Amino acid sequence: MAKNHENNEDIGYKKPPKTTRWKKGQSGNPRGRKKKPRDANGLLKLELEKVITIRDGGEDVRITKKEALITSLVNDGIKGNAKAREMMMRLLDVDSVPEPFIANDNDQALLDEFLKQNR
């Protein structure tokens, strides 16, 4: 058994140096194991983030399942699948950001009148 020359303590199998041992009350895994989601939305997100390997143009490419699904949807739409085109258009509408509202003089007058009546 080896000895630590500084403190004259045994170091070896099942006897790590005192400086590297767990402190009292310290957990070996403070964050714990990640919990799996139990709802369908969380499980779907977890599954879509998994990486798969596909063959694209003769070479292997690693992409997420979400990317593969979107690529497949776009390719089907290009080939003429009407349902795929419709779904793509709906997805594009959902992700678009609305234009910011800019008030003109008429809007400001209406707002002032409304606030005056409801105070």
Protein backbone atom coordinates (compact mmCIF):
# COMPACT_ATOMS: atom_id res chain seq x y z
CA MET A 1 0.00 0.00 0.00
CA ALA A 2 1.36 3.41 -0.98
CA LYS A 3 1.71 6.15 1.59
CA ASN A 4 1.16 9.84 1.17
CA HIS A 5 4.39 11.47 2.27
CA GLU A 6 2.75 14.72 3.33
CA ASN A 7 0.20 13.32 5.83
CA ASN A 8 1.58 9.80 6.29
CA GLU A 9 -1.79 8.27 5.32
CA ASP A 10 -2.49 5.08 3.38
CA ILE A 11 -3.50 5.58 -0.26
CA GLY A 12 -4.64 2.77 -2.51
CA TYR A 13 -7.58 0.47 -3.20
CA LYS A 14 -10.71 1.93 -1.50
CA LYS A 15 -8.56 4.58 0.20
CA PRO A 16 -8.35 7.69 -2.01
CA PRO A 17 -6.38 10.70 -0.81
CA LYS A 18 -8.34 12.76 1.72
CA THR A 19 -8.21 15.83 -0.53
CA THR A 20 -10.20 14.05 -3.28
CA ARG A 21 -12.82 12.39 -1.05
CA TRP A 22 -16.44 13.59 -0.92
CA LYS A 23 -17.04 16.25 1.68
CA LYS A 24 -19.73 15.65 4.33
CA GLY A 25 -23.15 16.20 2.76
CA GLN A 26 -21.75 16.53 -0.76
CA SER A 27 -23.54 14.55 -3.46
CA GLY A 28 -21.62 12.61 -6.08
CA ASN A 29 -24.21 13.64 -8.66
CA PRO A 30 -25.57 17.05 -7.64
CA ARG A 31 -27.79 17.63 -10.69
CA GLY A 32 -29.14 14.09 -10.73
CA ARG A 33 -30.30 12.08 -13.71
CA LYS A 34 -32.32 13.94 -16.33
CA LYS A 35 -35.97 13.09 -16.05
CA LYS A 36 -37.78 11.89 -19.16
CA PRO A 37 -40.86 13.89 -20.07
CA ARG A 38 -44.14 12.07 -19.55
CA ASP A 39 -46.40 14.14 -21.77
CA ALA A 40 -46.78 13.47 -25.48
CA ASN A 41 -45.41 16.87 -26.49
CA GLY A 42 -42.21 16.38 -24.49
CA LEU A 43 -41.74 12.84 -25.76
CA LEU A 44 -42.20 14.03 -29.34
CA LYS A 45 -39.60 16.77 -28.88
CA LEU A 46 -37.18 14.26 -27.33
CA GLU A 47 -37.66 11.83 -30.23
CA LEU A 48 -37.30 14.53 -32.91
CA GLU A 49 -33.94 15.65 -31.45
CA LYS A 50 -32.37 12.20 -31.92
CA VAL A 51 -29.68 12.03 -34.60
CA ILE A 52 -29.94 9.61 -37.52
CA THR A 53 -27.67 8.85 -40.47
CA ILE A 54 -29.05 9.22 -43.99
CA ARG A 55 -27.49 8.86 -47.42
CA ASP A 56 -27.56 12.11 -49.37
CA GLY A 57 -25.93 12.21 -52.80
CA GLY A 58 -23.79 9.15 -52.13
CA GLU A 59 -22.43 10.26 -48.76
CA ASP A 60 -23.60 9.61 -45.21
CA VAL A 61 -24.98 12.66 -43.40
CA ARG A 62 -25.96 12.85 -39.71
CA ILE A 63 -29.05 14.98 -39.07
CA THR A 64 -31.82 15.10 -36.49
CA LYS A 65 -35.13 13.39 -37.12
CA LYS A 66 -36.75 16.83 -37.18
CA GLU A 67 -34.47 17.91 -40.04
CA ALA A 68 -35.17 14.65 -41.90
CA LEU A 69 -38.92 15.13 -41.50
CA ILE A 70 -38.81 18.70 -42.81
CA THR A 71 -36.55 17.69 -45.71
CA SER A 72 -38.97 14.91 -46.63
CA LEU A 73 -41.92 17.30 -46.44
CA VAL A 74 -40.19 19.85 -48.69
CA ASN A 75 -39.17 17.18 -51.21
CA ASP A 76 -42.73 15.79 -51.33
CA GLY A 77 -44.10 19.29 -51.90
CA ILE A 78 -41.66 19.88 -54.75
CA LYS A 79 -42.66 16.56 -56.35
CA GLY A 80 -46.28 17.73 -56.47
CA ASN A 81 -47.87 16.30 -53.32
CA ALA A 82 -50.70 18.75 -52.60
CA LYS A 83 -51.03 17.81 -48.91
CA ALA A 84 -47.31 18.35 -48.35
CA ARG A 85 -47.52 21.77 -50.03
CA GLU A 86 -50.51 22.74 -47.91
CA MET A 87 -48.76 21.65 -44.71
CA MET A 88 -45.61 23.58 -45.65
CA MET A 89 -47.63 26.72 -46.25
CA ARG A 90 -49.37 26.35 -42.88
CA LEU A 91 -46.00 25.89 -41.16
CA LEU A 92 -44.63 28.98 -42.86
CA ASP A 93 -47.63 31.03 -41.71
CA VAL A 94 -47.24 29.84 -38.11
CA ASP A 95 -43.54 30.69 -37.93
CA SER A 96 -43.86 34.12 -39.54
CA VAL A 97 -43.60 37.11 -37.22
CA PRO A 98 -46.40 39.67 -37.56
CA GLU A 99 -45.45 43.19 -38.56
CA PRO A 100 -45.26 45.63 -35.64
CA PHE A 101 -48.23 47.97 -35.15
CA ILE A 102 -47.44 51.60 -35.91
CA ALA A 103 -50.10 54.07 -34.74
CA ASN A 104 -51.06 57.00 -36.93
CA ASP A 105 -52.72 60.29 -35.87
CA ASN A 106 -56.23 58.87 -36.19
CA ASP A 107 -55.37 55.90 -33.95
CA GLN A 108 -53.88 58.19 -31.32
CA ALA A 109 -57.01 60.37 -31.30
CA LEU A 110 -59.25 57.29 -30.88
CA LEU A 111 -57.08 56.02 -28.04
CA ASP A 112 -57.15 59.37 -26.26
CA GLU A 113 -60.95 59.54 -26.58
CA PHE A 114 -61.32 55.97 -25.27
CA LEU A 115 -59.10 56.66 -22.25
CA LYS A 116 -61.01 59.87 -21.49
CA GLN A 117 -64.36 58.02 -21.47
CA ASN A 118 -63.17 55.10 -19.34
CA ARG A 119 -61.39 56.92 -16.54
